[in-house]
Protein backbone atom coordinates (compact mmCIF):
# COMPACT_ATOMS: atom_id res chain seq x y z
CA MET A 1 -20.74 25.00 -32.77
CA ALA A 2 -23.14 23.79 -29.26
CA ALA A 3 -21.74 25.04 -26.40
CA PHE A 4 -19.95 22.05 -24.34
CA PRO A 5 -22.61 19.88 -22.27
CA MET A 6 -22.78 20.19 -18.44
CA ALA A 7 -24.98 17.97 -15.98
CA SER A 8 -28.00 20.27 -16.15
CA GLU A 9 -29.14 23.48 -16.74
CA SER A 10 -28.48 24.63 -13.12
CA SER A 11 -25.00 24.06 -13.77
CA SER A 12 -25.17 27.63 -15.68
CA TRP A 13 -24.04 28.72 -11.92
CA PHE A 14 -20.14 27.61 -12.57
CA SER A 15 -19.08 30.11 -15.83
CA ALA A 16 -20.99 32.97 -13.71
CA ALA A 17 -18.75 32.19 -10.60
CA ARG A 18 -15.94 33.41 -11.98
CA TYR A 19 -14.00 33.03 -8.99
CA GLY A 20 -13.48 30.56 -6.03
CA LEU A 21 -10.55 29.35 -3.39
CA PHE A 22 -8.60 26.17 -3.36
CA ILE A 23 -7.35 25.13 -0.06
CA HIS A 24 -4.57 22.81 0.11
CA PHE A 25 -4.50 21.40 3.62
CA GLY A 26 -3.21 17.52 4.96
CA LEU A 27 -0.64 16.23 6.88
CA TYR A 28 1.93 17.72 4.45
CA SER A 29 1.00 20.72 5.87
CA GLN A 30 2.91 20.04 9.32
CA LEU A 31 5.96 19.22 7.13
CA ALA A 32 6.07 22.68 5.71
CA ARG A 33 7.99 21.79 2.48
CA GLY A 34 4.73 21.24 0.27
CA GLU A 35 2.44 18.62 -0.48
CA TRP A 36 4.13 16.14 -2.96
CA VAL A 37 6.95 15.74 0.30
CA MET A 38 6.29 12.28 0.84
CA ASN A 39 6.69 11.80 -2.79
CA ARG A 40 9.57 13.48 -3.52
CA GLU A 41 11.82 12.97 -0.02
CA GLY A 42 10.66 9.11 -0.20
CA ILE A 43 8.88 8.88 3.34
CA PRO A 44 7.94 5.60 3.31
CA PRO A 45 4.11 4.98 4.44
CA GLU A 46 4.74 3.62 8.01
CA THR A 47 6.79 6.56 8.52
CA TYR A 48 4.34 9.18 6.92
CA ARG A 49 1.70 7.46 9.40
CA CYS A 50 3.22 8.49 12.17
CA LEU A 51 2.48 12.28 11.33
CA ALA A 52 -1.37 11.39 11.89
CA ASP A 53 -0.60 10.89 15.50
CA GLU A 54 0.81 14.07 15.64
CA PHE A 55 -2.08 16.01 13.67
CA HIS A 56 -3.53 18.58 15.75
CA PRO A 57 -4.41 21.77 13.62
CA ASP A 58 -6.28 23.90 16.19
CA ARG A 59 -6.33 26.34 14.68
CA PHE A 60 -8.20 25.40 11.64
CA ASP A 61 -11.61 27.44 11.41
CA ALA A 62 -13.50 26.19 8.66
CA GLY A 63 -15.84 29.43 9.22
CA ALA A 64 -12.92 31.66 9.17
CA ILE A 65 -11.64 30.18 5.80
CA ALA A 66 -15.09 30.31 4.12
CA ASP A 67 -15.59 34.11 5.45
CA LEU A 68 -12.28 34.74 3.99
CA ALA A 69 -13.95 33.79 0.64
CA VAL A 70 -16.50 35.92 1.06
CA ALA A 71 -14.24 39.19 2.01
CA GLY A 72 -12.46 37.91 -1.20
CA GLY A 73 -15.43 38.29 -3.38
CA MET A 74 -15.23 34.42 -4.03
CA ARG A 75 -18.78 32.58 -5.26
CA TYR A 76 -17.53 29.21 -4.19
CA LEU A 77 -14.82 27.02 -2.55
CA VAL A 78 -12.79 23.44 -3.27
CA PHE A 79 -11.13 21.45 -0.59
CA THR A 80 -8.89 18.96 -0.98
CA THR A 81 -10.70 15.77 1.11
CA MET A 82 -7.52 13.69 0.16
CA HIS A 83 -4.38 14.70 -1.55
CA HIS A 84 -1.81 12.09 -3.14
CA ASP A 85 -0.45 11.19 0.46
CA GLY A 86 -3.94 9.21 0.98
CA PHE A 87 -4.84 10.85 3.99
CA ARG A 88 -8.37 11.36 4.61
CA LEU A 89 -9.77 14.53 6.03
CA TYR A 90 -13.29 13.29 6.46
CA ASP A 91 -14.75 10.40 8.33
CA SER A 92 -13.75 6.76 6.39
CA ALA A 93 -15.17 3.53 7.17
CA LEU A 94 -12.92 2.39 4.66
CA SER A 95 -9.38 3.20 6.07
CA PRO A 96 -8.13 3.97 9.76
CA PHE A 97 -6.02 6.88 8.04
CA CYS A 98 -8.50 9.25 8.28
CA SER A 99 -8.83 12.88 10.65
CA THR A 100 -11.66 11.47 12.58
CA ARG A 101 -10.01 8.18 13.47
CA THR A 102 -6.33 9.68 14.63
CA ALA A 103 -5.25 12.45 16.47
CA ALA A 104 -7.23 15.46 15.23
CA GLY A 105 -10.58 13.78 15.68
CA ARG A 106 -12.36 15.53 13.49
CA ASP A 107 -14.19 15.88 9.88
CA PHE A 108 -12.88 18.74 8.02
CA THR A 109 -14.79 18.14 4.97
CA ALA A 110 -18.20 18.07 6.91
CA GLU A 111 -16.79 21.54 8.70
CA ILE A 112 -15.73 23.05 5.44
CA ILE A 113 -19.03 22.17 3.77
CA ALA A 114 -21.17 23.38 6.37
CA ALA A 115 -19.33 26.77 6.60
CA ALA A 116 -19.89 27.22 2.67
CA ARG A 117 -23.18 26.27 2.62
CA GLU A 118 -23.91 29.09 5.86
CA ARG A 119 -22.78 31.42 3.47
CA GLY A 120 -23.96 30.58 0.13
CA LEU A 121 -21.28 29.34 -1.45
CA LYS A 122 -20.85 26.10 -3.74
CA ILE A 123 -18.55 23.65 -2.63
CA GLY A 124 -16.38 21.50 -4.76
CA LEU A 125 -14.42 18.38 -3.26
CA TYR A 126 -11.11 17.50 -4.42
CA HIS A 127 -10.10 13.92 -4.73
CA SER A 128 -7.20 12.41 -5.61
CA LEU A 129 -7.59 9.10 -7.83
CA ASN A 130 -4.10 7.54 -7.09
CA ASN A 131 -2.41 7.75 -3.72
CA TRP A 132 1.14 6.65 -2.33
CA TYR A 133 -0.44 5.32 0.78
CA ASP A 134 -3.00 2.44 -0.01
CA GLN A 135 -1.50 -0.62 -1.50
CA PRO A 136 -1.58 -1.78 -4.25
CA ASP A 137 -1.11 1.55 -5.65
CA ALA A 138 -1.51 2.72 -9.28
CA VAL A 139 2.51 1.51 -10.45
CA ALA A 140 1.77 -1.60 -8.70
CA ALA A 141 -1.82 -2.08 -10.61
CA LEU A 142 -0.06 -1.62 -14.10
CA GLU A 143 2.27 -4.27 -13.46
CA ASP A 144 -0.24 -6.89 -12.33
CA ALA A 145 -3.81 -7.64 -13.35
CA GLY A 146 -5.05 -8.54 -10.18
CA ALA A 147 -3.39 -5.62 -8.27
CA CYS A 148 -5.03 -3.39 -11.22
CA GLU A 149 -8.47 -4.86 -10.28
CA THR A 150 -8.08 -4.83 -6.51
CA PHE A 151 -6.91 -1.01 -6.79
CA LEU A 152 -9.81 -0.09 -8.86
CA GLU A 153 -12.18 -1.57 -6.82
CA ALA A 154 -10.66 0.38 -3.92
CA THR A 155 -10.90 4.02 -5.47
CA PHE A 156 -14.37 3.27 -6.83
CA ALA A 157 -15.17 2.68 -3.10
CA ARG A 158 -13.54 5.52 -1.91
CA ILE A 159 -15.53 7.92 -4.68
CA ARG A 160 -18.99 6.24 -3.94
CA GLU A 161 -17.99 6.65 0.26
CA LEU A 162 -17.22 10.13 -0.49
CA VAL A 163 -20.14 11.29 -2.51
CA THR A 164 -22.67 9.40 -0.91
CA ARG A 165 -21.45 10.63 2.96
CA TYR A 166 -21.57 14.35 1.60
CA GLN A 167 -24.87 15.21 -0.09
CA PRO A 168 -25.25 17.76 -2.17
CA ILE A 169 -21.54 18.99 -3.34
CA ASP A 170 -21.27 20.79 -6.52
CA ILE A 171 -18.02 19.62 -7.77
CA LEU A 172 -16.16 16.16 -7.93
CA TRP A 173 -12.79 17.42 -8.40
CA TYR A 174 -10.77 14.79 -9.07
CA ASP A 175 -6.62 14.39 -9.75
CA GLY A 176 -3.91 12.66 -9.28
CA TRP A 177 -5.06 10.21 -12.84
CA TRP A 178 -1.73 8.80 -13.92
CA PRO A 179 -0.24 6.71 -14.71
CA PHE A 180 -3.65 5.84 -16.27
CA ASN A 181 -5.89 6.55 -19.43
CA ALA A 182 -9.55 7.32 -19.38
CA GLU A 183 -10.24 3.74 -20.12
CA GLN A 184 -8.01 2.17 -17.80
CA TRP A 185 -10.07 4.50 -15.23
CA ARG A 186 -13.17 3.34 -16.80
CA GLY A 187 -13.94 7.08 -16.45
CA GLU A 188 -17.55 6.79 -17.70
CA ALA A 189 -18.46 4.08 -15.04
CA MET A 190 -17.00 6.47 -12.32
CA ASN A 191 -18.59 8.80 -13.41
CA ALA A 192 -22.06 7.11 -13.96
CA MET A 193 -21.65 6.14 -10.52
CA VAL A 194 -20.98 9.55 -9.27
CA ARG A 195 -24.13 11.30 -11.11
CA GLU A 196 -26.20 8.34 -10.38
CA ILE A 197 -25.84 9.29 -6.31
CA GLN A 198 -25.35 13.10 -7.30
CA PRO A 199 -27.29 13.84 -10.25
CA HIS A 200 -26.35 17.82 -10.59
CA VAL A 201 -22.39 17.60 -9.35
CA LEU A 202 -19.99 18.73 -12.19
CA PHE A 203 -16.99 17.00 -13.01
CA ASN A 204 -13.67 18.50 -14.21
CA GLY A 205 -11.39 16.47 -16.41
CA ARG A 206 -8.72 14.61 -14.65
CA ASN A 207 -9.87 11.05 -14.80
CA GLY A 208 -9.04 11.03 -18.54
CA LEU A 209 -12.11 12.03 -20.00
CA PRO A 210 -13.01 15.91 -20.59
CA GLY A 211 -15.67 16.05 -18.21
CA ASP A 212 -17.53 18.97 -17.82
CA PHE A 213 -15.05 21.88 -17.01
CA ALA A 214 -10.99 21.88 -17.93
CA THR A 215 -8.81 22.87 -15.31
CA PRO A 216 -5.48 24.50 -16.58
CA GLU A 217 -3.02 24.14 -13.91
CA GLN A 218 -0.47 27.45 -13.25
CA HIS A 219 -1.72 28.81 -16.33
CA LEU A 220 -4.66 31.00 -18.00
CA SER A 221 -5.16 29.31 -21.36
CA ALA A 222 -8.98 28.82 -22.13
CA PRO A 223 -9.72 25.88 -24.29
CA LYS A 224 -9.93 25.49 -27.83
CA PRO A 225 -12.33 25.43 -28.93
CA TRP A 226 -14.04 27.07 -25.80
CA ARG A 227 -15.68 25.12 -23.35
CA PRO A 228 -16.48 26.09 -19.36
CA TRP A 229 -12.97 26.05 -17.89
CA GLU A 230 -10.99 27.22 -14.88
CA ALA A 231 -7.45 27.80 -13.87
CA CYS A 232 -6.20 26.89 -10.53
CA VAL A 233 -3.27 28.86 -9.68
CA THR A 234 -1.45 29.50 -6.14
CA LEU A 235 -1.05 32.35 -4.40
CA ASN A 236 2.51 31.87 -3.86
CA GLU A 237 4.39 28.91 -5.64
CA SER A 238 3.42 26.22 -3.76
CA TRP A 239 -0.05 24.43 -3.37
CA GLY A 240 0.25 23.04 0.32
CA PHE A 241 2.02 25.21 3.11
CA ASN A 242 5.86 25.56 2.37
CA ALA A 243 7.54 27.99 5.05
CA THR A 244 10.53 28.55 2.58
CA ASP A 245 7.73 29.94 -0.29
CA HIS A 246 7.51 33.86 -0.34
CA GLU A 247 6.87 34.19 -3.60
CA TRP A 248 3.66 35.92 -2.53
CA LYS A 249 1.76 37.39 -6.04
CA SER A 250 -0.03 40.73 -5.10
CA PRO A 251 -3.36 42.07 -5.54
CA MET A 252 -2.75 43.26 -8.30
CA GLU A 253 -1.01 40.37 -9.98
CA VAL A 254 -4.34 38.52 -8.67
CA ILE A 255 -6.77 41.08 -10.57
CA LYS A 256 -4.71 41.01 -13.64
CA MET A 257 -5.60 37.48 -13.62
CA LEU A 258 -9.20 38.03 -13.14
CA VAL A 259 -9.68 40.08 -15.91
CA LYS A 260 -8.40 37.35 -18.10
CA VAL A 261 -9.99 34.88 -17.08
CA ALA A 262 -13.49 37.35 -17.45
CA GLN A 263 -12.43 38.12 -20.94
CA GLU A 264 -12.18 34.43 -21.69
CA GLY A 265 -15.29 33.35 -20.20
CA GLY A 266 -13.14 31.07 -17.21
CA ASN A 267 -12.83 30.75 -13.41
CA LEU A 268 -10.07 31.61 -11.62
CA LEU A 269 -9.49 28.86 -8.89
CA LEU A 270 -6.85 30.74 -6.37
CA ASN A 271 -5.13 28.59 -3.92
CA ILE A 272 -4.15 28.88 -0.34
CA GLY A 273 -2.15 26.84 2.00
CA PRO A 274 -3.08 26.55 5.82
CA ARG A 275 -0.28 26.21 7.81
CA GLY A 276 -0.26 22.12 9.84
CA ASP A 277 -1.39 24.13 12.60
CA GLY A 278 -4.68 25.38 10.13
CA SER A 279 -4.15 28.81 10.36
CA ILE A 280 -3.95 30.72 7.43
CA PRO A 281 -0.62 32.65 6.17
CA GLU A 282 -1.02 36.19 6.70
CA GLU A 283 0.44 37.00 3.10
CA SER A 284 -3.05 34.87 2.12
CA VAL A 285 -5.40 36.91 4.13
CA ARG A 286 -3.95 40.39 3.13
CA THR A 287 -4.12 39.87 -0.57
CA ILE A 288 -7.35 38.11 -0.55
CA ARG A 289 -9.26 40.68 1.08
CA SER A 290 -7.51 43.56 -0.68
CA VAL A 291 -8.73 42.15 -4.18
CA GLY A 292 -12.24 41.61 -2.38
CA ASP A 293 -12.10 45.36 -1.28
CA TRP A 294 -11.55 46.29 -4.69
CA LEU A 295 -14.30 43.83 -6.49
CA ARG A 296 -16.64 45.06 -3.84
CA ILE A 297 -16.52 48.44 -6.24
CA ASN A 298 -15.49 46.77 -9.60
CA GLY A 299 -16.67 43.60 -9.65
CA GLU A 300 -19.44 44.33 -12.73
CA ALA A 301 -16.28 44.40 -14.59
CA MET A 302 -15.40 40.92 -13.66
CA PHE A 303 -18.67 38.60 -13.17
CA GLU A 304 -21.57 37.98 -16.29
CA THR A 305 -19.70 39.76 -18.73
CA ASP A 306 -19.22 38.68 -22.40
CA HIS A 307 -16.24 36.85 -24.08
CA TRP A 308 -13.92 38.97 -25.39
CA THR A 309 -12.29 37.79 -28.54
CA LEU A 310 -8.82 39.62 -28.31
CA ASP A 311 -8.00 42.24 -26.11
CA PRO A 312 -5.67 45.14 -27.86
CA PHE A 313 -5.07 47.26 -24.48
CA ARG A 314 -1.84 45.32 -24.22
CA ARG A 315 1.49 46.96 -23.13
CA GLY A 316 4.18 46.15 -25.77
CA ASP A 317 1.71 45.05 -28.12
CA HIS A 318 3.51 45.27 -31.84
CA ARG A 319 0.12 47.15 -33.08
CA GLY A 320 1.57 50.41 -30.57
CA ASP A 321 0.77 51.58 -27.48
CA TRP A 322 -2.67 53.44 -28.45
CA LEU A 323 -4.63 51.57 -25.57
CA ALA A 324 -1.64 51.07 -23.07
CA PHE A 325 -3.43 51.65 -20.34
CA GLY A 326 -5.34 48.32 -19.38
CA PRO A 327 -7.42 45.44 -20.49
CA VAL A 328 -10.97 45.49 -21.07
CA THR A 329 -14.21 43.22 -20.28
CA THR A 330 -17.42 43.91 -21.99
CA LYS A 331 -20.95 43.00 -21.21
CA GLY A 332 -24.10 43.85 -23.37
CA ASN A 333 -23.33 47.44 -24.90
CA ARG A 334 -20.70 48.28 -22.17
CA PHE A 335 -17.34 47.58 -21.91
CA TYR A 336 -15.14 47.94 -19.09
CA LEU A 337 -11.45 49.94 -19.24
CA ILE A 338 -9.64 48.09 -16.23
CA ALA A 339 -6.55 51.11 -16.15
CA ALA A 340 -3.67 49.96 -14.46
CA ARG A 341 -1.51 52.59 -15.68
CA PRO A 342 -2.32 56.45 -15.02
CA ALA A 343 -2.47 58.60 -17.97
CA PRO A 344 -3.16 62.50 -18.41
CA GLU A 345 -5.92 61.96 -21.07
CA ILE A 346 -6.84 58.55 -22.13
CA VAL A 347 -8.03 57.80 -25.68
CA ILE A 348 -9.46 55.05 -27.21
CA ARG A 349 -9.62 55.15 -30.99
CA GLY A 350 -10.96 52.83 -33.72
CA LEU A 351 -14.31 52.32 -31.52
CA GLU A 352 -17.42 51.39 -33.76
CA ALA A 353 -20.46 52.91 -31.26
CA GLU A 354 -21.74 55.76 -30.08
CA VAL A 355 -20.72 56.40 -26.58
CA ARG A 356 -23.69 57.31 -24.25
CA SER A 357 -21.60 57.72 -21.05
CA VAL A 358 -18.31 57.25 -19.51
CA ARG A 359 -18.26 56.53 -15.29
CA ALA A 360 -15.26 55.61 -12.93
CA LEU A 361 -16.63 53.03 -10.72
CA GLY A 362 -16.57 53.97 -6.95
CA ALA A 363 -15.97 57.49 -8.04
CA GLU A 364 -18.51 60.08 -6.35
CA GLY A 365 -20.27 62.33 -8.76
CA GLY A 366 -21.97 61.84 -11.95
CA PRO A 367 -20.79 60.89 -15.72
CA LEU A 368 -17.40 61.94 -16.55
CA PRO A 369 -16.83 64.58 -19.42
CA PHE A 370 -15.85 63.05 -22.56
CA ARG A 371 -15.27 63.71 -26.57
CA CYS A 372 -16.31 60.99 -29.09
CA GLU A 373 -16.02 62.21 -32.62
CA ALA A 374 -15.34 59.58 -35.69
CA GLY A 375 -14.58 56.64 -33.03
CA ARG A 376 -12.27 58.14 -31.25
CA LEU A 377 -13.17 58.41 -27.49
CA ALA A 378 -11.20 61.04 -24.99
CA PHE A 379 -11.65 61.24 -21.77
CA ALA A 380 -10.00 62.52 -18.62
CA PRO A 381 -9.16 59.91 -15.72
CA VAL A 382 -9.62 60.20 -12.07
CA THR A 383 -7.56 59.77 -9.00
CA LEU A 384 -9.32 57.13 -6.42
CA GLY A 385 -6.03 56.69 -4.51
CA GLY A 386 -2.37 57.27 -3.85
CA PRO A 387 0.55 55.76 -5.75
CA GLY A 388 0.45 51.92 -6.03
CA GLN A 389 -3.46 52.15 -6.21
CA LEU A 390 -5.36 48.84 -7.69
CA PRO A 391 -6.97 49.95 -10.92
CA THR A 392 -9.46 52.40 -11.97
CA VAL A 393 -12.09 50.81 -13.50
CA TYR A 394 -14.11 52.87 -16.27
CA ARG A 395 -17.62 51.83 -17.74
CA VAL A 396 -18.19 53.24 -21.08
CA GLU A 397 -22.00 52.93 -22.09
CA CYS A 398 -22.50 52.62 -25.83
CA ASP A 399 -25.85 52.40 -28.06
CA ARG A 400 -24.66 48.90 -29.02
CA PRO A 401 -22.23 46.22 -28.18
CA PRO A 402 -18.68 47.89 -28.85
CA VAL A 403 -16.29 47.01 -31.33
CA ILE A 404 -12.72 48.35 -32.01
CA TYR A 405 -10.90 48.54 -35.16
CA ASN A 406 -7.54 49.14 -33.69
CA THR A 407 -4.63 50.31 -35.91
CA GLY A 408 -3.11 46.72 -36.63
CA GLY A 409 -6.32 46.40 -38.90
CA MET A 410 -7.94 44.03 -36.38
CA ARG A 411 -12.11 44.46 -35.78
CA THR A 412 -12.37 43.76 -31.72
CA PRO A 413 -15.91 42.47 -30.85
CA ALA A 414 -17.57 41.22 -27.95
CA CYS A 415 -19.09 37.62 -28.32
CA ASP A 416 -20.75 34.37 -27.41
CA HIS A 417 -18.97 31.55 -25.84
CA PRO A 418 -20.16 29.31 -28.45
CA ARG A 419 -17.47 30.93 -30.83
CA TYR A 420 -13.75 31.33 -30.01
CA ASP A 421 -11.24 33.07 -31.92
CA PRO A 422 -7.48 32.11 -30.58
CA LEU A 423 -4.91 34.25 -29.82
CA PRO A 424 -2.22 35.12 -31.56
CA PRO A 425 1.15 33.37 -29.94
CA ASP A 426 2.35 36.64 -29.91
CA ILE A 427 -0.07 38.22 -27.68
CA ALA A 428 0.13 37.76 -23.63
CA TRP A 429 -0.59 40.04 -21.16
C-alpha cells in the first residue's frame, strides 16, 4: 500500500516532528470555564461581545510561549486564531469582532507566528469553520438555502483572508465541522483555494475530507490503514483555561504518550490553555519543561523512529511479565528500552539479532556489561536519579533490525510506515 499523499515533498517534516504545542486562547479564557462556555451556558452573542471590551491579556507573551515549546523539545506550534466563539485573534477586515479592533488592540496570531519563526518552529493556524457568533450560523444554513450560501461565502472569505494575510504557514488546522459533511462544506474547493495561495500548506481532516493527516482527539489511535497522524491531547481535561480543572498529567504520563506515538509513527500535539491575562498555568510549564529535560537526554528514542507494529513490553500483558520494564521504540539496527520500572536485572528473551552494545542514555562511562546467549539478553540497569525518577532509556545496538519472538509466539519487528498491523483490542498501554 502506498503512503498517503501529502502536499509536497517538503511535508516530510510533519511525520518527523513528533511533538508540538497546541495553544487554546480567546475571550473564553477570561471566564475560566473552558472554551465551550458561550455555548454551554447559553450566553447570547450581544452579551458575549462585551467581553471583548474587557479583554486586556497583558501577560500574553508569544516569545515566552515559543520558548516553552523549545524548552519542552517540541518542533511546532498550533494556535487558535478563531475558536467556536467567533472571536478572531488577528487583524480582520471582515469583522470588528477581532483582537485588533477591540480593547486588546493586538494581533496575537502575528505575534505567535513571528515568535515561532524566530525559534525555528513550524507553525499551524487553527480556525473553526463554524461559530456561534456570526449569523447565519451552520444551523440556520441547514434550514434555508439562502442562509447556507451566505454562511459558506463568509466561511470561505475568513479562511481566504487568514491564509492570505499570514504567509507562509505550515498547517491549516480546521475544526468546527458540524453539522456539515465534505460536500456541504465544499471541502475540495476550500482546500484548492488555500493551496492556490499557499501551495505547501498541510490540512488536517476536519472539513469532511481525509486531509494530509488524521487528528484523533484525546486518544492515541493510529489510523487504519496507517497514514500521517497527530493525537491532540490536553494537559489537564480542558482545552481553554478552566480554573476548576486540576487534573494535570504528570511528566511520566506525557512521556508514555510520546512513546506510544513514536512507536506508531504519529505526533503528539499537547495543549495548554493560557489564563485570561495571557499567563500560562504553572503546572503546564513545570510538566512541559520536565519532559523537555528528559528529551534532551533521551530524544533519540522518540524522534525519527521506525514504526514498531506491536509492543510486547506491556504490564499485565497476557503473554506474561517477562518484559515488564517498559515499552520500546526502534531505529534501524537499534532498539530503545524505555525502562519505567526499575529491576535488579533487565532480561529480554526471544531477541532475533546479535547485540553489539548496550548503553544507558545520559549515563557516564561507556557501554554496559551484558550477556546475550540464544536470544536472551540480560544486563544490570543503572541508577540515574532518586525515587520517582523519569524512565531511563537503554539503547541496544544490534547487527541488524531487531526482531523479538515473545512468549506468546508473536514475532515483533520494526517496519516501514506503509505497513500497518492493527493492535489486538486487549493491548493498551
